[in-house]
Amino acid sequence: MLVRSNSNSSASRDPQQLISQSVQHLIEQLKNGKSEALTSYLCAMARFHKYSFGNVLLIASQRPDATRVDTS
């Protein structure tokens, strides 16, 4: 699974740091032959295909069950 943070700590964390940690976690799991993180990320990409790599990682790490993002 992607690195998940609870809602309290995610607000105080730097988005770039969260993205970096999520990417590092994905790389480590792929090196270990596990595909759960990649599968989770690809599912998020399918739901949010118009968003950037970093934004999809942020969405997936903060709310893995998200189906839409309110931009207002």
PDB file of N, CA and C in Angstrom:
ATOM      1  N   MET A   1       0.835  -1.177   0.000  1.00  0.00           N
ATOM      2  CA  MET A   1       0.000   0.000   0.000  1.00  0.00           C
ATOM      3  C   MET A   1       0.880   1.240   0.000  1.00  0.00           C
ATOM      4  N   LEU A   2       0.336   2.322  -0.461  1.00  0.00           N
ATOM      5  CA  LEU A   2       1.055   3.583  -0.425  1.00  0.00           C
ATOM      6  C   LEU A   2       1.172   4.044   1.014  1.00  0.00           C
ATOM      7  N   VAL A   3       2.120   4.923   1.268  1.00  0.00           N
ATOM      8  CA  VAL A   3       2.289   5.458   2.608  1.00  0.00           C
ATOM      9  C   VAL A   3       1.053   6.266   2.943  1.00  0.00           C
ATOM     10  N   ARG A   4       0.448   5.932   4.038  1.00  0.00           N
ATOM     11  CA  ARG A   4      -0.754   6.639   4.457  1.00  0.00           C
ATOM     12  C   ARG A   4      -0.463   7.410   5.722  1.00  0.00           C
ATOM     13  N   SER A   5      -1.021   8.587   5.800  1.00  0.00           N
ATOM     14  CA  SER A   5      -0.873   9.370   7.011  1.00  0.00           C
ATOM     15  C   SER A   5      -2.255   9.700   7.538  1.00  0.00           C
ATOM     16  N   ASN A   6      -2.348   9.876   8.851  1.00  0.00           N
ATOM     17  CA  ASN A   6      -3.661  10.239   9.366  1.00  0.00           C
ATOM     18  C   ASN A   6      -3.914  11.711   9.081  1.00  0.00           C
ATOM     19  N   SER A   7      -5.164  12.126   9.148  1.00  0.00           N
ATOM     20  CA  SER A   7      -5.541  13.473   8.741  1.00  0.00           C
ATOM     21  C   SER A   7      -4.889  14.559   9.596  1.00  0.00           C
ATOM     22  N   ASN A   8      -4.569  14.277  10.842  1.00  0.00           N
ATOM     23  CA  ASN A   8      -3.965  15.275  11.711  1.00  0.00           C
ATOM     24  C   ASN A   8      -2.537  15.590  11.304  1.00  0.00           C
ATOM     25  N   SER A   9      -1.744  14.580  11.015  1.00  0.00           N
ATOM     26  CA  SER A   9      -0.348  14.821  10.698  1.00  0.00           C
ATOM     27  C   SER A   9      -0.143  15.234   9.247  1.00  0.00           C
ATOM     28  N   SER A  10      -1.046  14.872   8.340  1.00  0.00           N
ATOM     29  CA  SER A  10      -0.861  15.198   6.929  1.00  0.00           C
ATOM     30  C   SER A  10      -0.969  16.693   6.680  1.00  0.00           C
ATOM     31  N   ALA A  11      -1.754  17.406   7.476  1.00  0.00           N
ATOM     32  CA  ALA A  11      -1.912  18.835   7.276  1.00  0.00           C
ATOM     33  C   ALA A  11      -0.632  19.582   7.610  1.00  0.00           C
ATOM     34  N   SER A  12       0.161  19.072   8.539  1.00  0.00           N
ATOM     35  CA  SER A  12       1.369  19.762   8.957  1.00  0.00           C
ATOM     36  C   SER A  12       2.592  19.343   8.151  1.00  0.00           C
ATOM     37  N   ARG A  13       2.468  18.304   7.311  1.00  0.00           N
ATOM     38  CA  ARG A  13       3.597  17.807   6.546  1.00  0.00           C
ATOM     39  C   ARG A  13       3.698  18.527   5.211  1.00  0.00           C
ATOM     40  N   ASP A  14       4.914  18.694   4.756  1.00  0.00           N
ATOM     41  CA  ASP A  14       5.188  19.304   3.471  1.00  0.00           C
ATOM     42  C   ASP A  14       4.745  18.358   2.356  1.00  0.00           C
ATOM     43  N   PRO A  15       3.966  18.838   1.380  1.00  0.00           N
ATOM     44  CA  PRO A  15       3.513  17.955   0.294  1.00  0.00           C
ATOM     45  C   PRO A  15       4.681  17.300  -0.453  1.00  0.00           C
ATOM     46  N   GLN A  16       5.761  18.015  -0.676  1.00  0.00           N
ATOM     47  CA  GLN A  16       6.912  17.439  -1.371  1.00  0.00           C
ATOM     48  C   GLN A  16       7.516  16.303  -0.561  1.00  0.00           C
ATOM     49  N   GLN A  17       7.541  16.447   0.749  1.00  0.00           N
ATOM     50  CA  GLN A  17       8.063  15.391   1.619  1.00  0.00           C
ATOM     51  C   GLN A  17       7.164  14.157   1.535  1.00  0.00           C
ATOM     52  N   LEU A  18       5.865  14.361   1.531  1.00  0.00           N
ATOM     53  CA  LEU A  18       4.917  13.257   1.443  1.00  0.00           C
ATOM     54  C   LEU A  18       5.055  12.536   0.108  1.00  0.00           C
ATOM     55  N   ILE A  19       5.195  13.297  -0.972  1.00  0.00           N
ATOM     56  CA  ILE A  19       5.389  12.703  -2.298  1.00  0.00           C
ATOM     57  C   ILE A  19       6.678  11.891  -2.318  1.00  0.00           C
ATOM     58  N   SER A  20       7.751  12.467  -1.798  1.00  0.00           N
ATOM     59  CA  SER A  20       9.043  11.786  -1.771  1.00  0.00           C
ATOM     60  C   SER A  20       8.970  10.482  -0.984  1.00  0.00           C
ATOM     61  N   GLN A  21       8.312  10.505   0.164  1.00  0.00           N
ATOM     62  CA  GLN A  21       8.181   9.299   0.972  1.00  0.00           C
ATOM     63  C   GLN A  21       7.340   8.245   0.255  1.00  0.00           C
ATOM     64  N   SER A  22       6.274   8.674  -0.415  1.00  0.00           N
ATOM     65  CA  SER A  22       5.424   7.736  -1.139  1.00  0.00           C
ATOM     66  C   SER A  22       6.171   7.090  -2.295  1.00  0.00           C
ATOM     67  N   VAL A  23       6.939   7.884  -3.025  1.00  0.00           N
ATOM     68  CA  VAL A  23       7.731   7.347  -4.136  1.00  0.00           C
ATOM     69  C   VAL A  23       8.778   6.375  -3.611  1.00  0.00           C
ATOM     70  N   GLN A  24       9.450   6.730  -2.528  1.00  0.00           N
ATOM     71  CA  GLN A  24      10.464   5.854  -1.953  1.00  0.00           C
ATOM     72  C   GLN A  24       9.847   4.532  -1.504  1.00  0.00           C
ATOM     73  N   HIS A  25       8.676   4.599  -0.887  1.00  0.00           N
ATOM     74  CA  HIS A  25       7.975   3.387  -0.452  1.00  0.00           C
ATOM     75  C   HIS A  25       7.612   2.515  -1.653  1.00  0.00           C
ATOM     76  N   LEU A  26       7.142   3.132  -2.713  1.00  0.00           N
ATOM     77  CA  LEU A  26       6.802   2.405  -3.933  1.00  0.00           C
ATOM     78  C   LEU A  26       8.037   1.719  -4.509  1.00  0.00           C
ATOM     79  N   ILE A  27       9.148   2.423  -4.566  1.00  0.00           N
ATOM     80  CA  ILE A  27      10.400   1.856  -5.085  1.00  0.00           C
ATOM     81  C   ILE A  27      10.850   0.668  -4.242  1.00  0.00           C
ATOM     82  N   GLU A  28      10.798   0.809  -2.925  1.00  0.00           N
ATOM     83  CA  GLU A  28      11.208  -0.279  -2.031  1.00  0.00           C
ATOM     84  C   GLU A  28      10.333  -1.515  -2.227  1.00  0.00           C
ATOM     85  N   GLN A  29       9.027  -1.314  -2.352  1.00  0.00           N
ATOM     86  CA  GLN A  29       8.142  -2.460  -2.536  1.00  0.00           C
ATOM     87  C   GLN A  29       8.392  -3.134  -3.881  1.00  0.00           C
ATOM     88  N   LEU A  30       8.651  -2.358  -4.917  1.00  0.00           N
ATOM     89  CA  LEU A  30       8.931  -2.940  -6.227  1.00  0.00           C
ATOM     90  C   LEU A  30      10.237  -3.729  -6.208  1.00  0.00           C
ATOM     91  N   LYS A  31      11.245  -3.209  -5.491  1.00  0.00           N
ATOM     92  CA  LYS A  31      12.512  -3.933  -5.369  1.00  0.00           C
ATOM     93  C   LYS A  31      12.329  -5.251  -4.632  1.00  0.00           C
ATOM     94  N   ASN A  32      11.395  -5.296  -3.694  1.00  0.00           N
ATOM     95  CA  ASN A  32      11.118  -6.509  -2.925  1.00  0.00           C
ATOM     96  C   ASN A  32      10.165  -7.454  -3.648  1.00  0.00           C
ATOM     97  N   GLY A  33       9.744  -7.079  -4.855  1.00  0.00           N
ATOM     98  CA  GLY A  33       8.871  -7.938  -5.629  1.00  0.00           C
ATOM     99  C   GLY A  33       7.404  -7.836  -5.276  1.00  0.00           C
ATOM    100  N   LYS A  34       7.041  -6.874  -4.460  1.00  0.00           N
ATOM    101  CA  LYS A  34       5.645  -6.696  -4.083  1.00  0.00           C
ATOM    102  C   LYS A  34       4.987  -5.710  -5.039  1.00  0.00           C
ATOM    103  N   SER A  35       3.747  -5.939  -5.363  1.00  0.00           N
ATOM    104  CA  SER A  35       3.075  -5.047  -6.299  1.00  0.00           C
ATOM    105  C   SER A  35       1.876  -4.333  -5.683  1.00  0.00           C
ATOM    106  N   GLU A  36       1.627  -4.487  -4.376  1.00  0.00           N
ATOM    107  CA  GLU A  36       0.467  -3.850  -3.760  1.00  0.00           C
ATOM    108  C   GLU A  36       0.508  -2.337  -3.896  1.00  0.00           C
ATOM    109  N   ALA A  37       1.670  -1.735  -3.683  1.00  0.00           N
ATOM    110  CA  ALA A  37       1.786  -0.280  -3.783  1.00  0.00           C
ATOM    111  C   ALA A  37       1.559   0.177  -5.214  1.00  0.00           C
ATOM    112  N   LEU A  38       2.132  -0.539  -6.169  1.00  0.00           N
ATOM    113  CA  LEU A  38       1.948  -0.181  -7.570  1.00  0.00           C
ATOM    114  C   LEU A  38       0.489  -0.353  -7.973  1.00  0.00           C
ATOM    115  N   THR A  39      -0.135  -1.426  -7.556  1.00  0.00           N
ATOM    116  CA  THR A  39      -1.541  -1.659  -7.870  1.00  0.00           C
ATOM    117  C   THR A  39      -2.412  -0.554  -7.284  1.00  0.00           C
ATOM    118  N   SER A  40      -2.130  -0.171  -6.057  1.00  0.00           N
ATOM    119  CA  SER A  40      -2.876   0.896  -5.409  1.00  0.00           C
ATOM    120  C   SER A  40      -2.702   2.216  -6.149  1.00  0.00           C
ATOM    121  N   TYR A  41      -1.461   2.519  -6.526  1.00  0.00           N
ATOM    122  CA  TYR A  41      -1.191   3.757  -7.249  1.00  0.00           C
ATOM    123  C   TYR A  41      -1.878   3.746  -8.614  1.00  0.00           C
ATOM    124  N   LEU A  42      -1.816   2.643  -9.332  1.00  0.00           N
ATOM    125  CA  LEU A  42      -2.440   2.562 -10.651  1.00  0.00           C
ATOM    126  C   LEU A  42      -3.964   2.707 -10.554  1.00  0.00           C
ATOM    127  N   CYS A  43      -4.556   2.180  -9.494  1.00  0.00           N
ATOM    128  CA  CYS A  43      -5.994   2.364  -9.285  1.00  0.00           C
ATOM    129  C   CYS A  43      -6.318   3.842  -9.061  1.00  0.00           C
ATOM    130  N   ALA A  44      -5.476   4.513  -8.292  1.00  0.00           N
ATOM    131  CA  ALA A  44      -5.671   5.953  -8.069  1.00  0.00           C
ATOM    132  C   ALA A  44      -5.491   6.722  -9.380  1.00  0.00           C
ATOM    133  N   MET A  45      -4.488   6.326 -10.178  1.00  0.00           N
ATOM    134  CA  MET A  45      -4.261   6.982 -11.471  1.00  0.00           C
ATOM    135  C   MET A  45      -5.473   6.804 -12.387  1.00  0.00           C
ATOM    136  N   ALA A  46      -6.108   5.657 -12.324  1.00  0.00           N
ATOM    137  CA  ALA A  46      -7.282   5.412 -13.152  1.00  0.00           C
ATOM    138  C   ALA A  46      -8.436   6.339 -12.764  1.00  0.00           C
ATOM    139  N   ARG A  47      -8.561   6.615 -11.475  1.00  0.00           N
ATOM    140  CA  ARG A  47      -9.634   7.498 -11.005  1.00  0.00           C
ATOM    141  C   ARG A  47      -9.319   8.964 -11.259  1.00  0.00           C
ATOM    142  N   PHE A  48      -8.026   9.322 -11.217  1.00  0.00           N
ATOM    143  CA  PHE A  48      -7.614  10.723 -11.323  1.00  0.00           C
ATOM    144  C   PHE A  48      -6.618  10.917 -12.458  1.00  0.00           C
ATOM    145  N   HIS A  49      -6.982  10.447 -13.642  1.00  0.00           N
ATOM    146  CA  HIS A  49      -6.064  10.439 -14.783  1.00  0.00           C
ATOM    147  C   HIS A  49      -5.701  11.835 -15.281  1.00  0.00           C
ATOM    148  N   LYS A  50      -6.463  12.853 -14.920  1.00  0.00           N
ATOM    149  CA  LYS A  50      -6.150  14.217 -15.360  1.00  0.00           C
ATOM    150  C   LYS A  50      -5.211  14.942 -14.403  1.00  0.00           C
ATOM    151  N   TYR A  51      -4.899  14.316 -13.286  1.00  0.00           N
ATOM    152  CA  TYR A  51      -4.052  14.945 -12.285  1.00  0.00           C
ATOM    153  C   TYR A  51      -2.592  14.535 -12.477  1.00  0.00           C
ATOM    154  N   SER A  52      -1.689  15.357 -11.962  1.00  0.00           N
ATOM    155  CA  SER A  52      -0.256  15.068 -12.060  1.00  0.00           C
ATOM    156  C   SER A  52       0.128  13.899 -11.155  1.00  0.00           C
ATOM    157  N   PHE A  53       1.309  13.358 -11.417  1.00  0.00           N
ATOM    158  CA  PHE A  53       1.861  12.269 -10.618  1.00  0.00           C
ATOM    159  C   PHE A  53       1.848  12.626  -9.133  1.00  0.00           C
ATOM    160  N   GLY A  54       2.370  13.803  -8.808  1.00  0.00           N
ATOM    161  CA  GLY A  54       2.443  14.229  -7.409  1.00  0.00           C
ATOM    162  C   GLY A  54       1.079  14.388  -6.769  1.00  0.00           C
ATOM    163  N   ASN A  55       0.144  14.964  -7.506  1.00  0.00           N
ATOM    164  CA  ASN A  55      -1.200  15.141  -6.954  1.00  0.00           C
ATOM    165  C   ASN A  55      -1.896  13.807  -6.716  1.00  0.00           C
ATOM    166  N   VAL A  56      -1.702  12.860  -7.621  1.00  0.00           N
ATOM    167  CA  VAL A  56      -2.310  11.533  -7.422  1.00  0.00           C
ATOM    168  C   VAL A  56      -1.712  10.868  -6.185  1.00  0.00           C
ATOM    169  N   LEU A  57      -0.402  11.001  -5.996  1.00  0.00           N
ATOM    170  CA  LEU A  57       0.216  10.433  -4.794  1.00  0.00           C
ATOM    171  C   LEU A  57      -0.333  11.083  -3.530  1.00  0.00           C
ATOM    172  N   LEU A  58      -0.511  12.396  -3.556  1.00  0.00           N
ATOM    173  CA  LEU A  58      -1.062  13.080  -2.388  1.00  0.00           C
ATOM    174  C   LEU A  58      -2.491  12.620  -2.102  1.00  0.00           C
ATOM    175  N   ILE A  59      -3.307  12.537  -3.148  1.00  0.00           N
ATOM    176  CA  ILE A  59      -4.694  12.087  -2.971  1.00  0.00           C
ATOM    177  C   ILE A  59      -4.720  10.671  -2.410  1.00  0.00           C
ATOM    178  N   ALA A  60      -3.945   9.791  -3.017  1.00  0.00           N
ATOM    179  CA  ALA A  60      -3.942   8.379  -2.604  1.00  0.00           C
ATOM    180  C   ALA A  60      -3.403   8.199  -1.190  1.00  0.00           C
ATOM    181  N   SER A  61      -2.431   9.005  -0.800  1.00  0.00           N
ATOM    182  CA  SER A  61      -1.863   8.837   0.540  1.00  0.00           C
ATOM    183  C   SER A  61      -2.754   9.442   1.623  1.00  0.00           C
ATOM    184  N   GLN A  62      -3.480  10.509   1.279  1.00  0.00           N
ATOM    185  CA  GLN A  62      -4.326  11.157   2.272  1.00  0.00           C
ATOM    186  C   GLN A  62      -5.722  10.563   2.334  1.00  0.00           C
ATOM    187  N   ARG A  63      -6.233  10.089   1.191  1.00  0.00           N
ATOM    188  CA  ARG A  63      -7.584   9.534   1.156  1.00  0.00           C
ATOM    189  C   ARG A  63      -7.634   8.446   0.096  1.00  0.00           C
ATOM    190  N   PRO A  64      -7.146   7.232   0.442  1.00  0.00           N
ATOM    191  CA  PRO A  64      -7.067   6.140  -0.532  1.00  0.00           C
ATOM    192  C   PRO A  64      -8.405   5.756  -1.166  1.00  0.00           C
ATOM    193  N   ASP A  65      -9.508   6.036  -0.474  1.00  0.00           N
ATOM    194  CA  ASP A  65     -10.816   5.670  -0.991  1.00  0.00           C
ATOM    195  C   ASP A  65     -11.504   6.804  -1.757  1.00  0.00           C
ATOM    196  N   ALA A  66     -10.781   7.871  -2.038  1.00  0.00           N
ATOM    197  CA  ALA A  66     -11.364   9.026  -2.736  1.00  0.00           C
ATOM    198  C   ALA A  66     -11.830   8.641  -4.137  1.00  0.00           C
ATOM    199  N   THR A  67     -12.959   9.211  -4.522  1.00  0.00           N
ATOM    200  CA  THR A  67     -13.473   8.994  -5.874  1.00  0.00           C
ATOM    201  C   THR A  67     -13.557  10.289  -6.653  1.00  0.00           C
ATOM    202  N   ARG A  68     -13.458  11.418  -5.944  1.00  0.00           N
ATOM    203  CA  ARG A  68     -13.446  12.718  -6.597  1.00  0.00           C
ATOM    204  C   ARG A  68     -12.750  13.710  -5.689  1.00  0.00           C
ATOM    205  N   VAL A  69     -12.361  14.845  -6.284  1.00  0.00           N
ATOM    206  CA  VAL A  69     -11.686  15.904  -5.532  1.00  0.00           C
ATOM    207  C   VAL A  69     -12.455  17.193  -5.759  1.00  0.00           C
ATOM    208  N   ASP A  70     -12.838  17.833  -4.681  1.00  0.00           N
ATOM    209  CA  ASP A  70     -13.546  19.118  -4.776  1.00  0.00           C
ATOM    210  C   ASP A  70     -12.496  20.210  -4.814  1.00  0.00           C
ATOM    211  N   THR A  71     -12.439  20.954  -5.893  1.00  0.00           N
ATOM    212  CA  THR A  71     -11.407  21.963  -6.057  1.00  0.00           C
ATOM    213  C   THR A  71     -11.852  23.349  -5.654  1.00  0.00           C
ATOM    214  N   SER A  72     -13.043  23.486  -5.111  1.00  0.00           N
ATOM    215  CA  SER A  72     -13.525  24.816  -4.727  1.00  0.00           C
ATOM    216  C   SER A  72     -13.043  25.226  -3.364  1.00  0.00           C
TER     217      SER A  72
END
